[in-house]
Amino acid sequence: MSHDLTASDALGLGGHVLIQAEVIELIRGFCQHNAEAPESGGVLLGFRRGVHLHVTRATTPTVHDRCSRTSFERSSKGHQAAALQHWSSSAGTGDYLGEWHTHPQVHPSPSGTDLFEWKKILAGASARQMIFLVVGIQTIWAGVGSAGVVKQVRLE
């Protein structure tokens, strides 16, 4: 059973990140425990509360995504619809907060491709904070980004 995870003072702005337990449980279900398992991923949805991020939902892979053992390319189909539904059902207060995907390592870290893609996302995010998760077999790497910079944060 998972529990909520938090990161304090993300990016030195005094903000906190809260990821609800059900989100952690959902994404950990896609860990690449065997040699045939492909990378998986999706988007993180929730709420912005000032400088704080509250992750309440995550999308899961769709048939439109492209994946292999060592790569995941998210299609907007399905994930965008879920984000719009989240926004609509929350009277416009829900938001797209970031991305998650798996890596086949016990203790993952982002690849150069990950960092490049995240910087592209941040460039279109109007300087808003975003969260990025890389889910490994045992641990989760977490980073918070803004203005083209992604900083690793410790989830507790």
N, C-alpha and C. Protein backbone atom coordinates (compact mmCIF):
# COMPACT_ATOMS: atom_id res chain seq x y z
N MET A 1 0.84 -1.18 0.00
CA MET A 1 0.00 0.00 0.00
C MET A 1 0.88 1.25 0.00
N SER A 2 0.59 2.17 -0.87
CA SER A 2 1.37 3.40 -0.99
C SER A 2 0.85 4.46 -0.03
N HIS A 3 1.64 5.50 0.16
CA HIS A 3 1.23 6.65 0.94
C HIS A 3 1.54 7.91 0.14
N ASP A 4 0.93 9.03 0.53
CA ASP A 4 1.21 10.29 -0.15
C ASP A 4 2.70 10.57 -0.09
N LEU A 5 3.22 11.18 -1.16
CA LEU A 5 4.62 11.60 -1.18
C LEU A 5 4.66 13.12 -1.30
N THR A 6 5.61 13.73 -0.62
CA THR A 6 5.76 15.18 -0.67
C THR A 6 7.21 15.56 -0.93
N ALA A 7 7.37 16.73 -1.50
CA ALA A 7 8.69 17.36 -1.68
C ALA A 7 8.55 18.79 -1.17
N SER A 8 9.48 19.20 -0.35
CA SER A 8 9.42 20.53 0.24
C SER A 8 10.33 21.51 -0.49
N ASP A 9 9.91 22.76 -0.51
CA ASP A 9 10.67 23.88 -1.06
C ASP A 9 11.20 23.60 -2.46
N ALA A 10 10.34 23.08 -3.32
CA ALA A 10 10.72 22.82 -4.70
C ALA A 10 11.16 24.12 -5.38
N LEU A 11 12.30 24.10 -6.02
CA LEU A 11 12.91 25.24 -6.72
C LEU A 11 13.24 26.42 -5.80
N GLY A 12 13.26 26.19 -4.50
CA GLY A 12 13.62 27.26 -3.58
C GLY A 12 12.60 28.37 -3.49
N LEU A 13 11.37 28.11 -3.89
CA LEU A 13 10.33 29.13 -3.86
C LEU A 13 9.40 28.97 -2.66
N GLY A 14 9.72 28.03 -1.79
CA GLY A 14 8.87 27.79 -0.63
C GLY A 14 7.69 26.89 -0.92
N GLY A 15 7.54 26.46 -2.15
CA GLY A 15 6.41 25.62 -2.53
C GLY A 15 6.63 24.16 -2.20
N HIS A 16 5.54 23.45 -2.05
CA HIS A 16 5.58 22.02 -1.79
C HIS A 16 4.89 21.28 -2.93
N VAL A 17 5.27 20.03 -3.11
CA VAL A 17 4.61 19.13 -4.05
C VAL A 17 3.98 18.02 -3.23
N LEU A 18 2.71 17.74 -3.47
CA LEU A 18 2.02 16.62 -2.83
C LEU A 18 1.51 15.70 -3.93
N ILE A 19 1.91 14.44 -3.88
CA ILE A 19 1.43 13.44 -4.83
C ILE A 19 0.62 12.43 -4.03
N GLN A 20 -0.65 12.32 -4.37
CA GLN A 20 -1.54 11.44 -3.62
C GLN A 20 -1.17 9.97 -3.80
N ALA A 21 -1.43 9.20 -2.75
CA ALA A 21 -1.06 7.78 -2.71
C ALA A 21 -1.60 6.99 -3.88
N GLU A 22 -2.83 7.26 -4.29
CA GLU A 22 -3.41 6.49 -5.40
C GLU A 22 -2.68 6.74 -6.72
N VAL A 23 -2.09 7.92 -6.88
CA VAL A 23 -1.29 8.20 -8.07
C VAL A 23 0.00 7.38 -8.02
N ILE A 24 0.65 7.37 -6.88
CA ILE A 24 1.89 6.59 -6.71
C ILE A 24 1.61 5.11 -6.97
N GLU A 25 0.53 4.61 -6.40
CA GLU A 25 0.18 3.20 -6.58
C GLU A 25 -0.08 2.88 -8.05
N LEU A 26 -0.80 3.77 -8.74
CA LEU A 26 -1.11 3.57 -10.15
C LEU A 26 0.16 3.51 -11.00
N ILE A 27 1.04 4.49 -10.85
CA ILE A 27 2.22 4.53 -11.72
C ILE A 27 3.24 3.45 -11.35
N ARG A 28 3.31 3.09 -10.08
CA ARG A 28 4.21 1.99 -9.70
C ARG A 28 3.75 0.66 -10.29
N GLY A 29 2.48 0.57 -10.62
CA GLY A 29 1.96 -0.64 -11.26
C GLY A 29 2.54 -0.88 -12.64
N PHE A 30 3.20 0.12 -13.20
CA PHE A 30 3.80 -0.01 -14.53
C PHE A 30 5.31 -0.25 -14.48
N CYS A 31 5.87 -0.48 -13.30
CA CYS A 31 7.31 -0.76 -13.17
C CYS A 31 7.72 -1.89 -14.10
N GLN A 32 8.90 -1.78 -14.65
CA GLN A 32 9.42 -2.76 -15.61
C GLN A 32 10.14 -3.88 -14.87
N HIS A 33 9.37 -4.75 -14.25
CA HIS A 33 9.94 -5.83 -13.44
C HIS A 33 10.55 -6.96 -14.25
N ASN A 34 10.12 -7.13 -15.49
CA ASN A 34 10.69 -8.22 -16.29
C ASN A 34 11.30 -7.67 -17.58
N ALA A 35 12.10 -8.47 -18.23
CA ALA A 35 12.89 -8.03 -19.40
C ALA A 35 12.03 -7.68 -20.60
N GLU A 36 10.79 -8.12 -20.64
CA GLU A 36 9.92 -7.83 -21.78
C GLU A 36 9.08 -6.56 -21.59
N ALA A 37 8.99 -6.06 -20.38
CA ALA A 37 8.10 -4.94 -20.10
C ALA A 37 8.59 -3.66 -20.78
N PRO A 38 7.70 -2.99 -21.51
CA PRO A 38 8.09 -1.73 -22.16
C PRO A 38 8.01 -0.56 -21.19
N GLU A 39 8.65 0.55 -21.55
CA GLU A 39 8.46 1.78 -20.79
C GLU A 39 7.00 2.19 -20.94
N SER A 40 6.49 2.84 -19.93
CA SER A 40 5.11 3.33 -19.91
C SER A 40 5.14 4.75 -19.39
N GLY A 41 4.05 5.47 -19.58
CA GLY A 41 4.01 6.83 -19.07
C GLY A 41 2.67 7.49 -19.27
N GLY A 42 2.63 8.74 -18.88
CA GLY A 42 1.41 9.53 -19.00
C GLY A 42 1.62 10.92 -18.46
N VAL A 43 0.52 11.61 -18.22
CA VAL A 43 0.59 12.97 -17.69
C VAL A 43 0.10 12.99 -16.25
N LEU A 44 0.54 14.00 -15.53
CA LEU A 44 0.14 14.21 -14.14
C LEU A 44 -0.83 15.38 -14.08
N LEU A 45 -1.95 15.16 -13.42
CA LEU A 45 -3.00 16.17 -13.33
C LEU A 45 -3.27 16.50 -11.87
N GLY A 46 -3.76 17.68 -11.63
CA GLY A 46 -4.07 18.07 -10.26
C GLY A 46 -4.37 19.54 -10.18
N PHE A 47 -3.83 20.18 -9.16
CA PHE A 47 -4.17 21.57 -8.88
C PHE A 47 -2.93 22.37 -8.50
N ARG A 48 -2.92 23.62 -8.93
CA ARG A 48 -1.90 24.59 -8.54
C ARG A 48 -2.51 25.44 -7.44
N ARG A 49 -1.83 25.52 -6.33
CA ARG A 49 -2.31 26.32 -5.21
C ARG A 49 -1.17 27.28 -4.84
N GLY A 50 -1.14 28.42 -5.53
CA GLY A 50 -0.01 29.34 -5.36
C GLY A 50 1.25 28.68 -5.89
N VAL A 51 2.28 28.56 -5.06
CA VAL A 51 3.54 27.92 -5.47
C VAL A 51 3.53 26.41 -5.20
N HIS A 52 2.39 25.88 -4.76
CA HIS A 52 2.27 24.46 -4.43
C HIS A 52 1.64 23.68 -5.59
N LEU A 53 2.08 22.42 -5.75
CA LEU A 53 1.49 21.51 -6.73
C LEU A 53 0.88 20.33 -5.99
N HIS A 54 -0.37 20.00 -6.34
CA HIS A 54 -1.08 18.89 -5.71
C HIS A 54 -1.50 17.92 -6.83
N VAL A 55 -0.79 16.80 -6.95
CA VAL A 55 -1.05 15.81 -8.00
C VAL A 55 -2.12 14.84 -7.50
N THR A 56 -3.25 14.82 -8.20
CA THR A 56 -4.38 13.99 -7.79
C THR A 56 -4.70 12.87 -8.77
N ARG A 57 -4.18 12.96 -10.00
CA ARG A 57 -4.48 11.96 -11.02
C ARG A 57 -3.29 11.78 -11.95
N ALA A 58 -3.26 10.63 -12.60
CA ALA A 58 -2.27 10.37 -13.66
C ALA A 58 -2.96 9.60 -14.76
N THR A 59 -2.61 9.92 -16.00
CA THR A 59 -3.11 9.10 -17.09
C THR A 59 -2.17 7.91 -17.26
N THR A 60 -2.67 6.90 -17.95
CA THR A 60 -1.89 5.69 -18.20
C THR A 60 -1.71 5.53 -19.71
N PRO A 61 -0.81 4.65 -20.13
CA PRO A 61 -0.54 4.50 -21.56
C PRO A 61 -1.81 4.17 -22.36
N THR A 62 -1.83 4.70 -23.59
CA THR A 62 -2.94 4.42 -24.50
C THR A 62 -2.40 3.66 -25.71
N VAL A 63 -3.31 3.17 -26.54
CA VAL A 63 -2.90 2.45 -27.75
C VAL A 63 -2.20 3.37 -28.74
N HIS A 64 -2.34 4.67 -28.57
CA HIS A 64 -1.72 5.64 -29.48
C HIS A 64 -0.27 5.96 -29.12
N ASP A 65 0.15 5.63 -27.90
CA ASP A 65 1.52 5.88 -27.46
C ASP A 65 2.46 4.88 -28.13
N ARG A 66 3.73 5.27 -28.28
CA ARG A 66 4.75 4.38 -28.83
C ARG A 66 5.72 4.03 -27.71
N CYS A 67 5.97 2.74 -27.54
CA CYS A 67 6.86 2.35 -26.46
C CYS A 67 7.68 1.12 -26.83
N SER A 68 8.84 1.04 -26.18
CA SER A 68 9.71 -0.13 -26.30
C SER A 68 10.33 -0.34 -24.91
N ARG A 69 11.24 -1.26 -24.82
CA ARG A 69 11.90 -1.53 -23.54
C ARG A 69 12.60 -0.29 -22.99
N THR A 70 13.14 0.55 -23.87
CA THR A 70 13.93 1.69 -23.41
C THR A 70 13.42 3.04 -23.90
N SER A 71 12.18 3.11 -24.36
CA SER A 71 11.66 4.42 -24.77
C SER A 71 10.14 4.46 -24.63
N PHE A 72 9.64 5.68 -24.44
CA PHE A 72 8.20 5.92 -24.37
C PHE A 72 7.94 7.25 -25.04
N GLU A 73 7.08 7.26 -26.03
CA GLU A 73 6.69 8.49 -26.72
C GLU A 73 5.19 8.65 -26.56
N ARG A 74 4.80 9.65 -25.78
CA ARG A 74 3.40 9.88 -25.48
C ARG A 74 2.71 10.59 -26.64
N SER A 75 1.56 10.07 -27.04
CA SER A 75 0.71 10.73 -28.02
C SER A 75 -0.25 11.63 -27.26
N SER A 76 -0.66 12.72 -27.87
CA SER A 76 -1.63 13.59 -27.19
C SER A 76 -3.01 12.94 -27.12
N LYS A 77 -3.30 11.99 -28.02
CA LYS A 77 -4.61 11.33 -28.02
C LYS A 77 -4.82 10.60 -26.70
N GLY A 78 -5.96 10.80 -26.11
CA GLY A 78 -6.28 10.16 -24.84
C GLY A 78 -5.82 10.97 -23.65
N HIS A 79 -4.55 11.31 -23.61
CA HIS A 79 -4.01 12.08 -22.48
C HIS A 79 -4.58 13.50 -22.47
N GLN A 80 -4.66 14.11 -23.65
CA GLN A 80 -5.21 15.47 -23.73
C GLN A 80 -6.69 15.47 -23.36
N ALA A 81 -7.42 14.45 -23.81
CA ALA A 81 -8.84 14.35 -23.47
C ALA A 81 -9.03 14.22 -21.96
N ALA A 82 -8.18 13.44 -21.31
CA ALA A 82 -8.25 13.28 -19.85
C ALA A 82 -7.95 14.61 -19.15
N ALA A 83 -6.97 15.35 -19.66
CA ALA A 83 -6.62 16.64 -19.07
C ALA A 83 -7.77 17.63 -19.23
N LEU A 84 -8.40 17.65 -20.39
CA LEU A 84 -9.53 18.55 -20.62
C LEU A 84 -10.72 18.17 -19.74
N GLN A 85 -10.95 16.88 -19.57
CA GLN A 85 -12.04 16.42 -18.71
C GLN A 85 -11.76 16.82 -17.26
N HIS A 86 -10.52 16.69 -16.82
CA HIS A 86 -10.13 17.09 -15.46
C HIS A 86 -10.37 18.58 -15.27
N TRP A 87 -9.98 19.37 -16.24
CA TRP A 87 -10.16 20.82 -16.18
C TRP A 87 -11.65 21.17 -16.12
N SER A 88 -12.43 20.53 -16.99
CA SER A 88 -13.86 20.80 -17.07
C SER A 88 -14.59 20.38 -15.80
N SER A 89 -14.28 19.20 -15.28
CA SER A 89 -14.99 18.70 -14.10
C SER A 89 -14.60 19.44 -12.82
N SER A 90 -13.54 20.23 -12.87
CA SER A 90 -13.10 21.00 -11.70
C SER A 90 -13.43 22.49 -11.85
N ALA A 91 -14.34 22.80 -12.77
CA ALA A 91 -14.73 24.19 -13.02
C ALA A 91 -13.53 25.06 -13.39
N GLY A 92 -12.60 24.48 -14.13
CA GLY A 92 -11.46 25.23 -14.63
C GLY A 92 -10.31 25.38 -13.65
N THR A 93 -10.36 24.72 -12.51
CA THR A 93 -9.27 24.85 -11.54
C THR A 93 -8.23 23.74 -11.66
N GLY A 94 -8.60 22.60 -12.26
CA GLY A 94 -7.65 21.50 -12.45
C GLY A 94 -6.68 21.83 -13.57
N ASP A 95 -5.49 21.26 -13.52
CA ASP A 95 -4.46 21.62 -14.49
C ASP A 95 -3.54 20.44 -14.80
N TYR A 96 -2.88 20.55 -15.93
CA TYR A 96 -1.80 19.64 -16.33
C TYR A 96 -0.57 20.08 -15.54
N LEU A 97 -0.02 19.15 -14.73
CA LEU A 97 1.10 19.51 -13.85
C LEU A 97 2.44 18.93 -14.28
N GLY A 98 2.42 17.92 -15.15
CA GLY A 98 3.69 17.34 -15.55
C GLY A 98 3.55 16.00 -16.22
N GLU A 99 4.65 15.25 -16.21
CA GLU A 99 4.76 13.98 -16.93
C GLU A 99 5.37 12.91 -16.03
N TRP A 100 5.04 11.66 -16.34
CA TRP A 100 5.69 10.53 -15.67
C TRP A 100 5.97 9.47 -16.72
N HIS A 101 7.01 8.69 -16.49
CA HIS A 101 7.27 7.51 -17.30
C HIS A 101 8.21 6.58 -16.54
N THR A 102 8.28 5.35 -17.00
CA THR A 102 9.13 4.36 -16.33
C THR A 102 10.48 4.25 -17.03
N HIS A 103 11.44 3.73 -16.28
CA HIS A 103 12.74 3.32 -16.81
C HIS A 103 13.01 1.91 -16.28
N PRO A 104 13.77 1.11 -17.01
CA PRO A 104 14.02 -0.27 -16.57
C PRO A 104 15.15 -0.41 -15.54
N GLN A 105 15.49 0.66 -14.84
CA GLN A 105 16.54 0.60 -13.82
C GLN A 105 15.92 0.50 -12.42
N VAL A 106 16.70 -0.04 -11.50
CA VAL A 106 16.27 -0.12 -10.10
C VAL A 106 16.14 1.29 -9.53
N HIS A 107 17.18 2.11 -9.74
CA HIS A 107 17.19 3.50 -9.28
C HIS A 107 17.36 4.38 -10.52
N PRO A 108 16.27 4.89 -11.07
CA PRO A 108 16.34 5.60 -12.35
C PRO A 108 16.85 7.03 -12.23
N SER A 109 17.26 7.55 -13.36
CA SER A 109 17.58 8.96 -13.50
C SER A 109 17.17 9.35 -14.92
N PRO A 110 16.91 10.62 -15.16
CA PRO A 110 16.46 11.02 -16.49
C PRO A 110 17.56 10.90 -17.54
N SER A 111 17.15 10.53 -18.73
CA SER A 111 18.09 10.46 -19.85
C SER A 111 18.24 11.85 -20.47
N GLY A 112 19.20 11.98 -21.36
CA GLY A 112 19.35 13.23 -22.10
C GLY A 112 18.10 13.56 -22.89
N THR A 113 17.47 12.55 -23.45
CA THR A 113 16.21 12.75 -24.19
C THR A 113 15.13 13.26 -23.26
N ASP A 114 15.04 12.69 -22.05
CA ASP A 114 14.06 13.16 -21.07
C ASP A 114 14.25 14.65 -20.79
N LEU A 115 15.48 15.03 -20.48
CA LEU A 115 15.77 16.43 -20.14
C LEU A 115 15.44 17.36 -21.30
N PHE A 116 15.76 16.93 -22.53
CA PHE A 116 15.47 17.73 -23.72
C PHE A 116 13.96 17.92 -23.87
N GLU A 117 13.20 16.83 -23.74
CA GLU A 117 11.74 16.91 -23.88
C GLU A 117 11.11 17.75 -22.78
N TRP A 118 11.60 17.62 -21.56
CA TRP A 118 11.05 18.40 -20.46
C TRP A 118 11.31 19.89 -20.67
N LYS A 119 12.47 20.24 -21.19
CA LYS A 119 12.76 21.66 -21.45
C LYS A 119 11.82 22.21 -22.51
N LYS A 120 11.44 21.38 -23.49
CA LYS A 120 10.46 21.81 -24.49
C LYS A 120 9.10 22.05 -23.83
N ILE A 121 8.72 21.17 -22.91
CA ILE A 121 7.46 21.34 -22.19
C ILE A 121 7.50 22.62 -21.37
N LEU A 122 8.60 22.85 -20.67
CA LEU A 122 8.73 24.05 -19.84
C LEU A 122 8.70 25.32 -20.66
N ALA A 123 9.23 25.27 -21.87
CA ALA A 123 9.22 26.46 -22.73
C ALA A 123 7.79 26.90 -23.05
N GLY A 124 6.87 25.95 -23.11
CA GLY A 124 5.48 26.27 -23.39
C GLY A 124 4.63 26.43 -22.14
N ALA A 125 5.23 26.36 -20.98
CA ALA A 125 4.48 26.38 -19.72
C ALA A 125 4.37 27.76 -19.09
N SER A 126 4.77 28.80 -19.79
CA SER A 126 4.66 30.17 -19.28
C SER A 126 5.26 30.34 -17.89
N ALA A 127 6.44 29.76 -17.68
CA ALA A 127 7.20 29.89 -16.43
C ALA A 127 6.50 29.26 -15.22
N ARG A 128 5.48 28.45 -15.47
CA ARG A 128 4.84 27.75 -14.36
C ARG A 128 5.65 26.53 -13.98
N GLN A 129 5.59 26.17 -12.71
CA GLN A 129 6.29 24.97 -12.24
C GLN A 129 5.61 23.72 -12.79
N MET A 130 6.42 22.73 -13.13
CA MET A 130 5.95 21.43 -13.60
C MET A 130 6.71 20.36 -12.83
N ILE A 131 6.10 19.18 -12.71
CA ILE A 131 6.78 18.06 -12.05
C ILE A 131 6.99 16.93 -13.04
N PHE A 132 8.13 16.28 -12.92
CA PHE A 132 8.50 15.17 -13.81
C PHE A 132 8.94 13.99 -12.94
N LEU A 133 8.39 12.82 -13.23
CA LEU A 133 8.72 11.61 -12.47
C LEU A 133 9.26 10.54 -13.40
N VAL A 134 10.34 9.87 -12.97
CA VAL A 134 10.87 8.70 -13.66
C VAL A 134 10.75 7.55 -12.66
N VAL A 135 9.92 6.59 -12.99
CA VAL A 135 9.59 5.50 -12.09
C VAL A 135 10.48 4.30 -12.37
N GLY A 136 11.30 3.95 -11.40
CA GLY A 136 12.17 2.79 -11.53
C GLY A 136 11.58 1.58 -10.83
N ILE A 137 12.33 0.51 -10.81
CA ILE A 137 11.86 -0.73 -10.20
C ILE A 137 11.70 -0.58 -8.69
N GLN A 138 12.61 0.18 -8.05
CA GLN A 138 12.50 0.37 -6.60
C GLN A 138 12.25 1.81 -6.18
N THR A 139 12.78 2.77 -6.92
CA THR A 139 12.65 4.17 -6.51
C THR A 139 12.06 5.02 -7.63
N ILE A 140 11.66 6.22 -7.25
CA ILE A 140 11.13 7.20 -8.20
C ILE A 140 12.04 8.42 -8.17
N TRP A 141 12.52 8.83 -9.35
CA TRP A 141 13.27 10.07 -9.47
C TRP A 141 12.25 11.17 -9.71
N ALA A 142 12.36 12.28 -9.00
CA ALA A 142 11.42 13.39 -9.15
C ALA A 142 12.18 14.67 -9.42
N GLY A 143 11.65 15.46 -10.32
CA GLY A 143 12.22 16.77 -10.60
C GLY A 143 11.11 17.79 -10.77
N VAL A 144 11.39 19.01 -10.35
CA VAL A 144 10.46 20.11 -10.55
C VAL A 144 11.16 21.10 -11.45
N GLY A 145 10.43 21.59 -12.44
CA GLY A 145 11.04 22.50 -13.40
C GLY A 145 10.27 23.78 -13.58
N SER A 146 11.00 24.81 -13.97
CA SER A 146 10.43 26.11 -14.30
C SER A 146 11.47 26.87 -15.10
N ALA A 147 11.02 27.67 -16.06
CA ALA A 147 11.91 28.52 -16.85
C ALA A 147 13.07 27.74 -17.47
N GLY A 148 12.81 26.54 -17.94
CA GLY A 148 13.82 25.76 -18.64
C GLY A 148 14.79 25.00 -17.78
N VAL A 149 14.63 25.04 -16.46
CA VAL A 149 15.52 24.35 -15.53
C VAL A 149 14.74 23.29 -14.76
N VAL A 150 15.28 22.07 -14.72
CA VAL A 150 14.68 20.99 -13.94
C VAL A 150 15.62 20.67 -12.78
N LYS A 151 15.08 20.72 -11.57
CA LYS A 151 15.87 20.45 -10.37
C LYS A 151 15.33 19.20 -9.69
N GLN A 152 16.22 18.26 -9.38
CA GLN A 152 15.81 17.06 -8.67
C GLN A 152 15.33 17.44 -7.27
N VAL A 153 14.22 16.82 -6.86
CA VAL A 153 13.69 17.02 -5.51
C VAL A 153 13.55 15.66 -4.84
N ARG A 154 13.59 15.68 -3.53
CA ARG A 154 13.47 14.43 -2.76
C ARG A 154 12.03 14.23 -2.33
N LEU A 155 11.47 13.09 -2.72
CA LEU A 155 10.12 12.74 -2.29
C LEU A 155 10.19 11.98 -0.98
N GLU A 156 9.35 12.36 -0.04
CA GLU A 156 9.32 11.67 1.25
C GLU A 156 7.91 11.24 1.57
